[in-house]
Amino acid sequence: MAVFTESDARRHIASLPLAVLVLGPESRIVSVNPAAEQFFGQSARRLVGRALPEALRFTDQRLAERIGESDAPISARQMDVTITGMGTRRVDVTIAPIIDEAGWHILTLHDSAGAEAMGEPAVNPEDGVLRAPEVLAHEIKNPLAGIRGAAQLLARKLDAKDQALTTLIADEVDRIAKLIDQMQTLSRRTAEPVEPCNLHEAVRRAIAILTAAGENGLHIEEEFDPSLPQMLGSSHALVQVLINLIANAREACRDGPAPRVVVRTRFASGLQLHANGLGAPVRLPIELRVSDNGPGIEPAMRDHIFEPFVTSKKTGQGLGLALVRKLVRDMNGRITVDRDEAGGWTHFRLHLPMAPQARSRAKIRAAAQ
């Protein structure tokens, strides 16, 4: 019979997708797991030893007062918390006293907005909305092509001053066709095949495409980890994701006094995905972050920004980020967004799996240390 050891317990807690904090007397942070480091955007070394209110404040004062004082477990859903340096989030909270350790508690935090991002449900409620284009696309696109052709023929018979109307018709037809293409991509059940990809090559290709298209002359700052291993994904889908995120970041900050967009890569070893039907958790150690110093997304909209038809743009269709999320999910990755109010930055984070060969090399390096 296998013996369950203390090191096994630590390893299992480290594997949890929830942020777990051990609180000592006076609600001082004694220990955190990797998910908590990710949640707070800080390392364990910087968190341990601090009083909890220095890192996190609860909007509900009653809950704040009960932390560290209750001898019974507490559970609260959809609570607003303010994370130092990162703004406000809505989370599910559990607090439980540690048996036979007076004044000690375990606190777990589950990001309600990120929960869906880190493990999609078996049945996606958006499927009914997104299946329709598969049925209607052919019937809609055929008459659209006829309308566009008729507008072009009509333009040849009109004076130059009247051709603006036919140009408008053609442009609007093209816009509708593009919208249908996006919806078809969202509704497609089959994902592109995955293979080992160089993340930095995909970033530079996306930037080159945006530059060639004349998109906003803002320089994109790169903060790359040169030792980052290859990821497992689709290079085509990855470039499409990055074009969307970088273009959005440029647009978000372009009217600011000193606009900046930063693309950063790093190795985040503790993160993993617990997805339905996959058995063992999937590790997502490769992080790519696209950041801009624009005004950010309205808090009320932030929890829904990846849903279809949700947009903060006056002329947007609200499909770009929904498509980004689908493409990232198809690569078995996950995407989240958070706001650093103190620094004035919005961060879109991709967490992606390693390629099998890179995974093997990482295990060899870890064993050698």
Foldseek 3Di string as FASTA:
>chain_A
DDDCDPVNVLVVQLQDLWWKFKAAAQQATAFTHLNVCVVLVHDRVVRHGHRVVVFKAWPPVVVVVCALPDQAKDWDAQTWMQGAQFGIFTWIKIWHADPPRRSMIMIITGGPLCVCQQEPDPDDPCLVVLQVLVVCVVVVLVVLVVLLVVLVVVLVVDDPVPNVVSVVSNVVSVVVNVVSVLSNLLNDPDADAKDWDDLVVLLVVLVVVCVVVVQDPADEAEAEDVVDATFIADSVLSNLLNNLLQSVQCVQQVPPPDKYKYKYKDFSFSDWGDYPPPPDIATQGIKIKIKILGQDDDPVQQSPLLPFQRDPDPPDRSRSSVSSSVRLVSQVKGWHWTGRVVVRMIIIMIGGGHGPVVVVVVVVVVVVD
